[in-house]
Every structure is written in structure tokens, then in C-alpha cells.
């Protein structure tokens, strides 16, 4: 399938033509975080927005990424691509705009410990931490320390324990890397020790819900020990030395550090066009650590720095819906521009008939403006013959079907990729089919493969 033939197809008929795609991408769960929950290092922070490490490994096998090669992930998240690359001895760059999520990836990527020393440090810290908690638990006053949401999520005793662990780590652990390891262990403990619902995508404390004591200290200690065992397991495999760069930045912009790096494979999962607020996903964690305290803090520190994928990121009076979709998209692909503009204007009408009047029209326009810039930059840094693999899901805001995978594939062709292929992984949205407020458009998740 070449670019001209693909462009002549009606919308929705892309197929994969690359040999080995179906064999390598044979699991419906490659686009989900499920596999990572059982995998060393990957499981250190539960981040359901991520994909499976098996997707990275399968892509390396399919496209022959090997030690000495360079791979690139423009939406790194909590580091799945770079962790898998480091385990395989493959050089890699990743870019992430969310500073807290970027920090999580940084901690997951540091394995250069003296393990005898680390074991002793952790033993000493856990013993001293337990003593400090037992000594201070009846004296601690939590009034005013946290935003209200945090109090709603925990039994008071568990929250006091979590706070005392936090203070011990920050004030008593001198070694930077050991301290970060313990901080991430405590971060991962926060949801496991909560009484409230803390699953994806949002925290849901219920009024008058009895708060169950979870024994936060024990949860924390088990997490620390598991992390130590994970580090030993990955180092025991003796991966080949490689360069791994976790960059805090914006993948919509030119990545100067890649100017002289011959990237052979890029792979990522951009935010889905489903109105999930990725800045809000870490509200509990950043509230607990004192990084943020309000919606404004989250907006200024995280939300404003992310590509648009949620209506919470939009200030409507900053845009004209008629011109919000970039004309650069029209130049690259008139067909995609017309299809997207039709959807934007249709959503502009539909929102006025809905109670929430959500800004889905502008969300769609700004989302594709952003993803267009990422596609251009990734095309620039790829070697001829290189591939860009994106795990994507389509969406249907207010029932208007946005064929995200088709639009991104065709935009890729307009930018200069020679072909695109699509491999469906699974159908989505069935669990919501009984919701009367839910649209009836069948959705799917799959992998777009762009070839330079």
C-alpha cells in the first residue's frame, strides 16, 4: 500500500500490509497497562494511561530494533518505552511534558545501585521509619496540611502514618537515589492504602462512607521490598550498556537533542481524544506531596503544558470555532481537513443542545493541531525506512465519530510518510453500553504504523 493508493480509499478502510504485524501484535491487551501490573519496574506506579511493555518488545522484534539503534517516544508517560529499551540494551530518548509523571519515569530508570549498600540503606530506613511512626503517631496533628480531598480518601490513622513516612523520607534519608526510591514507593502506596475509590480516571470519595483501616505502614514496607527485588531481577539479566534519556519537554516542538541521532523507530501512545484530564490523574499524589493544592495549581504546573485532549484545558473565548483547526492541516491533507472541520462544526451545534455544553468542538480542533506538530517532528527525526507506531483509540464525543486512527494515518501521508498501516487490537466501550447518556458508536483501539 503506497501513499497515493491509501489516500484514495474511503475513510475507515485502512488495513495492515506489513508482514509480521498480526503475529507480533497478537494480544488485545497491548494497548493497556494490565501486563505492566505484573512486570518488574513497570509496576512501580499504576498508570492506566500507559500501554503494555510487551508492545515495546513486540515492536523491537518486528522492526529489528537492536543494541546500537535509537528509538524515540514523544509521549513517554511513566517510562514504559525507556524501561523496555534499557532492558534490551537499545538507545532511547523519551519526552514527557507532565513534570510529576516525568519524575516517576526518572526513578524507574535509575538502576545503578550498589545493591549491598542499598539493601542496608533500605533496612535501616524502614526500621527507623517504623520507630518514628510509632513514636509520633499519637502526637501528629494533620489539620490544614492537605487539601480536603486527601482527608476524604483515608482512615485518619492511615493518613497520619502516610504523613509521618513522608516527613521521615524527606528529612532523614540523605542519599538522593535511595530517597527517590522510597518516595516512589510511598507514592505507589497512596492508592493501595486509600479507602476511597482511586481507580482510573478519577478519585471518587463517597460521603458517609466508612473509612477502612488499611495498615499503610505495612503496605509501604511491602512496596519497598518489591521494588528492591525488581531492581535485582532486572540487573541480574545483565542488559547491555546503552544511552537512555528521559527529557522533560514538549514533543510538539523541535527536539534539538535528536538532530544528530538516527532514530530508526518511534513508538508511543498519545492522549486519546476521550476527554480524560491527564493533569487531574495525579491530583491525589501531587496534593499529598504538597506540589499542588488547588485546581489552579494543577492547571499552571501540568494542564497548560500538555497537548489538548480534554475540555478542561480549553478557554473558549480564546478561539473562534470556524478557524480553530489549523490551516497547516489543510495544506498537508485537504481531505482530512474537510472531514475534521465538518466534525468540529457539527459538534459546535450539538453542544448547544446538551446540558453540559462541553467544548468538544474546540477539543477536536486543538487536539489535531497538536498531534499534527508531533507527527511532523517525529517524521523529521526518523531515518528513511524508519517506522512510527502509535497506539490509538477513536472517539465519539456527543455521538460524532472521530476516526482518530484514520485521520492520523492520512495526516502522516500528507506530511511525507510513504505509507500507513493499521492493526486493530480490541473493541472498546462495551462496558458503558447500558448507560443511557452514552453514545452508541462502536469504538476500537489499535496501532497505526507510519513508514518513512
Foldseek 3Di string as FASTA:
>chain_A
DWLVVLVPDDPPDFADDQPPPCVLLVALQQQFCVQLCPAFLSNLADDGNHGYLSVLVSVCVSQVQAAPAEEEEADQFQHSNLLSCQLRNGAYEYEHAQVVRLLNNVLSPDLPDPLVVLVVLLVVLLVVLVVQCVVCLVPDDCPPLFAPVLVLWADVSLLSSLLSLLVCLVPPRDDPSSSSLLLSLSLRLSCVQTQFDLDPPATDRDPPDDHDGDPSSVSSSVSSVSNSVSSVVSVVSVHHHYHYHRHNAHLLDADVVLPPHAHQEYEYAADALAAGQPLNRCVNVCRSNVQDHDPVSSCVNGLCRGQQRHLVNDDPVVDDLQCLADCVLCQLPVVLVVVLNVLLVVLQVLLVVDPVSGNSSNSSRRNVVSVLSSLLNVVVSYDAFGKYKYKYKWDQVVHNTDPVLSSSQSSNVSSPFTHKHKDWSFKDDPVCVVPPVDHPDIMTIIMIMTHD
